[in-house]
Amino acid sequence: MLKQPVTIGLLFLTSIWVLSLTSCKKDDDAVPNVSVNIVISTTDPSYNDLNAVGGWIYLTGGSRGIIVYRYSIDEFMAYDRHCTYEPSESCAIVEVDQSGIIAEDLCCGSQFLLTDGSVIDGPASVSLKLYQTSFDGNNLFVYN
């Protein structure tokens, strides 16, 4: 009669133990969280490329740099240049290609769309890390 409660208890403890082992695994495959708080004046000639929709620039900051892309008249997208596929690799850095709409990691071949950061080709399965942006007509704020 006591055999059933002991079996259920043992099964319960084993399940808890297995869950604790899998949930405590360190996530080495994530792009590091780095504090970002950047303000740029879009009237500064250094940022002329952002004056047109579809324009983009590189900024220093984030984990491996930031790409700022002008999505519309009053909307900007800002992504970390750190590729999401095997981010521990030193070459895991995306660059904007000649089209100006795709960022590519030349190391693994992953490609990302700059309009939303999504993966469009290659082994990556996670979108580029997105930073928050706000625009007041003159100043662009990039932050997390």
Foldseek 3Di string as FASTA:
>chain_A
DVVVVVVVVVVVVVVVVVVVVVVPDDPPLAQDFFWDKDKDFCVPPVNVQLCDQLGWDWAPDDRATKIWHRNDNFDIWIFAQQASGRSVDPQRGWDQDPVSQWTARPVFGWIAGRNVQQTDDTDDHDGTHTWDWGDDPTMIITGD
